Amino acid sequence: MASTGRTLRRSRSDRMLAGVVGGLADYFGMDPTVARLIYVVGSVASVAFPGLLVYAILWLIVPAEE
C-alpha cells in the first residue's frame, strides 16, 4: 500500500466530543456529518457498546491536530 502522506489526527475544528470522527472524516476525505451518521448507525447496529469502546480507544491513541 502506497503512502499518501496523510496521517490520522483528531480534529480540532470538526469536533463534537474529542474530534475522533472528524479526524476520520478528514483522513478518508468525507463530509464530517456523513462520517458521524455512519459511525452512529454502525454503533447502534452493534448495540452501541463496541462503538463507544472503539471511540474511547481512538480518543486515547490518536494524537490531536497541531
PDB file of N, CA and C in Angstrom:
ATOM      1  N   MET A   1       0.842  -1.171   0.000  1.00  0.00           N
ATOM      2  CA  MET A   1       0.000   0.000   0.000  1.00  0.00           C
ATOM      3  C   MET A   1       0.889   1.237   0.000  1.00  0.00           C
ATOM      4  N   ALA A   2       0.643   2.147  -0.887  1.00  0.00           N
ATOM      5  CA  ALA A   2       1.461   3.350  -1.011  1.00  0.00           C
ATOM      6  C   ALA A   2       1.062   4.377   0.027  1.00  0.00           C
ATOM      7  N   SER A   3       2.059   5.092   0.516  1.00  0.00           N
ATOM      8  CA  SER A   3       1.798   6.147   1.491  1.00  0.00           C
ATOM      9  C   SER A   3       1.236   7.375   0.785  1.00  0.00           C
ATOM     10  N   THR A   4       0.178   7.944   1.346  1.00  0.00           N
ATOM     11  CA  THR A   4      -0.445   9.128   0.756  1.00  0.00           C
ATOM     12  C   THR A   4       0.025  10.406   1.431  1.00  0.00           C
ATOM     13  N   GLY A   5       0.845  10.273   2.468  1.00  0.00           N
ATOM     14  CA  GLY A   5       1.325  11.447   3.182  1.00  0.00           C
ATOM     15  C   GLY A   5       0.343  11.956   4.221  1.00  0.00           C
ATOM     16  N   ARG A   6      -0.820  11.329   4.330  1.00  0.00           N
ATOM     17  CA  ARG A   6      -1.813  11.732   5.330  1.00  0.00           C
ATOM     18  C   ARG A   6      -1.588  10.946   6.606  1.00  0.00           C
ATOM     19  N   THR A   7      -1.837  11.587   7.721  1.00  0.00           N
ATOM     20  CA  THR A   7      -1.803  10.884   8.992  1.00  0.00           C
ATOM     21  C   THR A   7      -3.127  11.096   9.703  1.00  0.00           C
ATOM     22  N   LEU A   8      -3.526  10.109  10.466  1.00  0.00           N
ATOM     23  CA  LEU A   8      -4.777  10.198  11.211  1.00  0.00           C
ATOM     24  C   LEU A   8      -4.549  11.045  12.448  1.00  0.00           C
ATOM     25  N   ARG A   9      -5.325  12.097  12.579  1.00  0.00           N
ATOM     26  CA  ARG A   9      -5.258  13.005  13.730  1.00  0.00           C
ATOM     27  C   ARG A   9      -6.676  13.343  14.162  1.00  0.00           C
ATOM     28  N   ARG A  10      -6.872  13.555  15.463  1.00  0.00           N
ATOM     29  CA  ARG A  10      -8.170  14.034  15.944  1.00  0.00           C
ATOM     30  C   ARG A  10      -8.335  15.481  15.522  1.00  0.00           C
ATOM     31  N   SER A  11      -9.493  15.812  15.020  1.00  0.00           N
ATOM     32  CA  SER A  11      -9.762  17.148  14.505  1.00  0.00           C
ATOM     33  C   SER A  11     -10.007  18.136  15.643  1.00  0.00           C
ATOM     34  N   ARG A  12      -9.471  19.343  15.486  1.00  0.00           N
ATOM     35  CA  ARG A  12      -9.752  20.413  16.440  1.00  0.00           C
ATOM     36  C   ARG A  12     -10.884  21.303  15.935  1.00  0.00           C
ATOM     37  N   SER A  13     -11.137  21.286  14.631  1.00  0.00           N
ATOM     38  CA  SER A  13     -12.174  22.152  14.071  1.00  0.00           C
ATOM     39  C   SER A  13     -13.504  21.426  13.865  1.00  0.00           C
ATOM     40  N   ASP A  14     -13.477  20.147  13.498  1.00  0.00           N
ATOM     41  CA  ASP A  14     -14.698  19.358  13.275  1.00  0.00           C
ATOM     42  C   ASP A  14     -14.865  18.365  14.415  1.00  0.00           C
ATOM     43  N   ARG A  15     -15.211  18.889  15.575  1.00  0.00           N
ATOM     44  CA  ARG A  15     -15.323  18.015  16.733  1.00  0.00           C
ATOM     45  C   ARG A  15     -16.654  18.200  17.425  1.00  0.00           C
ATOM     46  N   MET A  16     -17.169  17.101  17.915  1.00  0.00           N
ATOM     47  CA  MET A  16     -18.366  17.131  18.754  1.00  0.00           C
ATOM     48  C   MET A  16     -17.955  16.804  20.189  1.00  0.00           C
ATOM     49  N   LEU A  17     -17.156  15.769  20.363  1.00  0.00           N
ATOM     50  CA  LEU A  17     -16.619  15.415  21.675  1.00  0.00           C
ATOM     51  C   LEU A  17     -15.106  15.569  21.656  1.00  0.00           C
ATOM     52  N   ALA A  18     -14.422  14.598  21.076  1.00  0.00           N
ATOM     53  CA  ALA A  18     -12.962  14.609  21.091  1.00  0.00           C
ATOM     54  C   ALA A  18     -12.353  14.794  19.711  1.00  0.00           C
ATOM     55  N   GLY A  19     -13.164  14.859  18.674  1.00  0.00           N
ATOM     56  CA  GLY A  19     -12.650  15.050  17.325  1.00  0.00           C
ATOM     57  C   GLY A  19     -12.247  13.783  16.607  1.00  0.00           C
ATOM     58  N   VAL A  20     -12.579  12.632  17.179  1.00  0.00           N
ATOM     59  CA  VAL A  20     -12.180  11.354  16.584  1.00  0.00           C
ATOM     60  C   VAL A  20     -12.836  11.156  15.223  1.00  0.00           C
ATOM     61  N   VAL A  21     -14.150  11.282  15.158  1.00  0.00           N
ATOM     62  CA  VAL A  21     -14.858  11.041  13.892  1.00  0.00           C
ATOM     63  C   VAL A  21     -14.547  12.153  12.892  1.00  0.00           C
ATOM     64  N   GLY A  22     -14.381  13.379  13.359  1.00  0.00           N
ATOM     65  CA  GLY A  22     -13.966  14.466  12.471  1.00  0.00           C
ATOM     66  C   GLY A  22     -12.608  14.185  11.852  1.00  0.00           C
ATOM     67  N   GLY A  23     -11.700  13.639  12.631  1.00  0.00           N
ATOM     68  CA  GLY A  23     -10.382  13.260  12.119  1.00  0.00           C
ATOM     69  C   GLY A  23     -10.462  12.111  11.129  1.00  0.00           C
ATOM     70  N   LEU A  24     -11.316  11.134  11.424  1.00  0.00           N
ATOM     71  CA  LEU A  24     -11.510  10.023  10.486  1.00  0.00           C
ATOM     72  C   LEU A  24     -12.092  10.525   9.171  1.00  0.00           C
ATOM     73  N   ALA A  25     -13.050  11.454   9.258  1.00  0.00           N
ATOM     74  CA  ALA A  25     -13.656  12.016   8.049  1.00  0.00           C
ATOM     75  C   ALA A  25     -12.613  12.740   7.224  1.00  0.00           C
ATOM     76  N   ASP A  26     -11.768  13.518   7.862  1.00  0.00           N
ATOM     77  CA  ASP A  26     -10.712  14.233   7.152  1.00  0.00           C
ATOM     78  C   ASP A  26      -9.730  13.253   6.515  1.00  0.00           C
ATOM     79  N   TYR A  27      -9.372  12.209   7.236  1.00  0.00           N
ATOM     80  CA  TYR A  27      -8.431  11.208   6.732  1.00  0.00           C
ATOM     81  C   TYR A  27      -8.967  10.507   5.489  1.00  0.00           C
ATOM     82  N   PHE A  28     -10.261  10.183   5.493  1.00  0.00           N
ATOM     83  CA  PHE A  28     -10.859   9.474   4.368  1.00  0.00           C
ATOM     84  C   PHE A  28     -11.480  10.402   3.335  1.00  0.00           C
ATOM     85  N   GLY A  29     -11.394  11.712   3.551  1.00  0.00           N
ATOM     86  CA  GLY A  29     -11.910  12.674   2.580  1.00  0.00           C
ATOM     87  C   GLY A  29     -13.420  12.713   2.512  1.00  0.00           C
ATOM     88  N   MET A  30     -14.076  12.564   3.651  1.00  0.00           N
ATOM     89  CA  MET A  30     -15.534  12.538   3.717  1.00  0.00           C
ATOM     90  C   MET A  30     -16.051  13.799   4.400  1.00  0.00           C
ATOM     91  N   ASP A  31     -17.335  14.040   4.226  1.00  0.00           N
ATOM     92  CA  ASP A  31     -18.007  15.098   4.976  1.00  0.00           C
ATOM     93  C   ASP A  31     -18.132  14.619   6.430  1.00  0.00           C
ATOM     94  N   PRO A  32     -17.785  15.447   7.413  1.00  0.00           N
ATOM     95  CA  PRO A  32     -17.857  15.021   8.818  1.00  0.00           C
ATOM     96  C   PRO A  32     -19.253  14.587   9.266  1.00  0.00           C
ATOM     97  N   THR A  33     -20.290  15.226   8.745  1.00  0.00           N
ATOM     98  CA  THR A  33     -21.654  14.857   9.125  1.00  0.00           C
ATOM     99  C   THR A  33     -21.988  13.450   8.641  1.00  0.00           C
ATOM    100  N   VAL A  34     -21.588  13.131   7.425  1.00  0.00           N
ATOM    101  CA  VAL A  34     -21.822  11.784   6.879  1.00  0.00           C
ATOM    102  C   VAL A  34     -21.046  10.758   7.695  1.00  0.00           C
ATOM    103  N   ALA A  35     -19.807  11.072   8.038  1.00  0.00           N
ATOM    104  CA  ALA A  35     -18.998  10.152   8.839  1.00  0.00           C
ATOM    105  C   ALA A  35     -19.629   9.915  10.205  1.00  0.00           C
ATOM    106  N   ARG A  36     -20.162  10.965  10.818  1.00  0.00           N
ATOM    107  CA  ARG A  36     -20.829  10.810  12.117  1.00  0.00           C
ATOM    108  C   ARG A  36     -22.074   9.936  12.000  1.00  0.00           C
ATOM    109  N   LEU A  37     -22.848  10.147  10.953  1.00  0.00           N
ATOM    110  CA  LEU A  37     -24.043   9.315  10.747  1.00  0.00           C
ATOM    111  C   LEU A  37     -23.664   7.848  10.571  1.00  0.00           C
ATOM    112  N   ILE A  38     -22.647   7.591   9.781  1.00  0.00           N
ATOM    113  CA  ILE A  38     -22.180   6.215   9.574  1.00  0.00           C
ATOM    114  C   ILE A  38     -21.712   5.611  10.891  1.00  0.00           C
ATOM    115  N   TYR A  39     -20.975   6.390  11.670  1.00  0.00           N
ATOM    116  CA  TYR A  39     -20.460   5.892  12.951  1.00  0.00           C
ATOM    117  C   TYR A  39     -21.600   5.591  13.924  1.00  0.00           C
ATOM    118  N   VAL A  40     -22.583   6.484  14.005  1.00  0.00           N
ATOM    119  CA  VAL A  40     -23.711   6.279  14.919  1.00  0.00           C
ATOM    120  C   VAL A  40     -24.545   5.081  14.486  1.00  0.00           C
ATOM    121  N   VAL A  41     -24.846   4.978  13.204  1.00  0.00           N
ATOM    122  CA  VAL A  41     -25.628   3.833  12.715  1.00  0.00           C
ATOM    123  C   VAL A  41     -24.870   2.526  12.961  1.00  0.00           C
ATOM    124  N   GLY A  42     -23.571   2.542  12.708  1.00  0.00           N
ATOM    125  CA  GLY A  42     -22.765   1.343  12.978  1.00  0.00           C
ATOM    126  C   GLY A  42     -22.728   0.990  14.453  1.00  0.00           C
ATOM    127  N   SER A  43     -22.655   1.996  15.303  1.00  0.00           N
ATOM    128  CA  SER A  43     -22.650   1.749  16.751  1.00  0.00           C
ATOM    129  C   SER A  43     -23.991   1.198  17.232  1.00  0.00           C
ATOM    130  N   VAL A  44     -25.075   1.779  16.741  1.00  0.00           N
ATOM    131  CA  VAL A  44     -26.404   1.310  17.139  1.00  0.00           C
ATOM    132  C   VAL A  44     -26.646  -0.108  16.624  1.00  0.00           C
ATOM    133  N   ALA A  45     -26.201  -0.372  15.416  1.00  0.00           N
ATOM    134  CA  ALA A  45     -26.377  -1.706  14.839  1.00  0.00           C
ATOM    135  C   ALA A  45     -25.589  -2.762  15.610  1.00  0.00           C
ATOM    136  N   SER A  46     -24.508  -2.341  16.267  1.00  0.00           N
ATOM    137  CA  SER A  46     -23.710  -3.287  17.047  1.00  0.00           C
ATOM    138  C   SER A  46     -24.026  -3.178  18.536  1.00  0.00           C
ATOM    139  N   VAL A  47     -25.200  -2.664  18.863  1.00  0.00           N
ATOM    140  CA  VAL A  47     -25.702  -2.482  20.227  1.00  0.00           C
ATOM    141  C   VAL A  47     -24.866  -1.462  21.001  1.00  0.00           C
ATOM    142  N   ALA A  48     -24.301  -0.484  20.315  1.00  0.00           N
ATOM    143  CA  ALA A  48     -23.643   0.708  20.842  1.00  0.00           C
ATOM    144  C   ALA A  48     -22.372   0.458  21.640  1.00  0.00           C
ATOM    145  N   PHE A  49     -22.258  -0.602  22.399  1.00  0.00           N
ATOM    146  CA  PHE A  49     -21.080  -0.783  23.239  1.00  0.00           C
ATOM    147  C   PHE A  49     -19.771  -0.826  22.463  1.00  0.00           C
ATOM    148  N   PRO A  50     -19.645  -1.650  21.408  1.00  0.00           N
ATOM    149  CA  PRO A  50     -18.375  -1.654  20.681  1.00  0.00           C
ATOM    150  C   PRO A  50     -18.039  -0.287  20.077  1.00  0.00           C
ATOM    151  N   GLY A  51     -19.041   0.441  19.611  1.00  0.00           N
ATOM    152  CA  GLY A  51     -18.796   1.763  19.049  1.00  0.00           C
ATOM    153  C   GLY A  51     -18.258   2.726  20.083  1.00  0.00           C
ATOM    154  N   LEU A  52     -18.805   2.682  21.282  1.00  0.00           N
ATOM    155  CA  LEU A  52     -18.319   3.539  22.367  1.00  0.00           C
ATOM    156  C   LEU A  52     -16.911   3.139  22.793  1.00  0.00           C
ATOM    157  N   LEU A  53     -16.656   1.848  22.848  1.00  0.00           N
ATOM    158  CA  LEU A  53     -15.335   1.363  23.235  1.00  0.00           C
ATOM    159  C   LEU A  53     -14.286   1.754  22.190  1.00  0.00           C
ATOM    160  N   VAL A  54     -14.607   1.591  20.919  1.00  0.00           N
ATOM    161  CA  VAL A  54     -13.685   1.973  19.841  1.00  0.00           C
ATOM    162  C   VAL A  54     -13.417   3.473  19.885  1.00  0.00           C
ATOM    163  N   TYR A  55     -14.460   4.275  20.112  1.00  0.00           N
ATOM    164  CA  TYR A  55     -14.295   5.729  20.198  1.00  0.00           C
ATOM    165  C   TYR A  55     -13.352   6.093  21.341  1.00  0.00           C
ATOM    166  N   ALA A  56     -13.551   5.482  22.498  1.00  0.00           N
ATOM    167  CA  ALA A  56     -12.703   5.774  23.654  1.00  0.00           C
ATOM    168  C   ALA A  56     -11.251   5.378  23.401  1.00  0.00           C
ATOM    169  N   ILE A  57     -11.053   4.233  22.772  1.00  0.00           N
ATOM    170  CA  ILE A  57      -9.679   3.793  22.467  1.00  0.00           C
ATOM    171  C   ILE A  57      -9.025   4.741  21.469  1.00  0.00           C
ATOM    172  N   LEU A  58      -9.766   5.128  20.417  1.00  0.00           N
ATOM    173  CA  LEU A  58      -9.217   6.054  19.441  1.00  0.00           C
ATOM    174  C   LEU A  58      -8.921   7.419  20.074  1.00  0.00           C
ATOM    175  N   TRP A  59      -9.761   7.846  21.005  1.00  0.00           N
ATOM    176  CA  TRP A  59      -9.551   9.106  21.721  1.00  0.00           C
ATOM    177  C   TRP A  59      -8.199   9.070  22.448  1.00  0.00           C
ATOM    178  N   LEU A  60      -7.869   7.910  23.008  1.00  0.00           N
ATOM    179  CA  LEU A  60      -6.620   7.777  23.757  1.00  0.00           C
ATOM    180  C   LEU A  60      -5.391   7.636  22.866  1.00  0.00           C
ATOM    181  N   ILE A  61      -5.513   6.967  21.732  1.00  0.00           N
ATOM    182  CA  ILE A  61      -4.309   6.654  20.948  1.00  0.00           C
ATOM    183  C   ILE A  61      -4.053   7.563  19.751  1.00  0.00           C
ATOM    184  N   VAL A  62      -5.099   8.234  19.254  1.00  0.00           N
ATOM    185  CA  VAL A  62      -4.910   9.096  18.076  1.00  0.00           C
ATOM    186  C   VAL A  62      -4.532  10.503  18.563  1.00  0.00           C
ATOM    187  N   PRO A  63      -3.394  11.012  18.109  1.00  0.00           N
ATOM    188  CA  PRO A  63      -2.983  12.355  18.558  1.00  0.00           C
ATOM    189  C   PRO A  63      -3.868  13.448  17.953  1.00  0.00           C
ATOM    190  N   ALA A  64      -3.972  14.562  18.644  1.00  0.00           N
ATOM    191  CA  ALA A  64      -4.753  15.704  18.174  1.00  0.00           C
ATOM    192  C   ALA A  64      -3.977  16.466  17.098  1.00  0.00           C
ATOM    193  N   GLU A  65      -4.719  17.214  16.273  1.00  0.00           N
ATOM    194  CA  GLU A  65      -4.082  18.093  15.285  1.00  0.00           C
ATOM    195  C   GLU A  65      -3.259  19.143  16.006  1.00  0.00           C
ATOM    196  N   GLU A  66      -2.292  19.619  15.316  1.00  0.00           N
ATOM    197  CA  GLU A  66      -1.453  20.690  15.900  1.00  0.00           C
ATOM    198  C   GLU A  66      -1.975  22.036  15.548  1.00  0.00           C
TER     199      GLU A  66
END
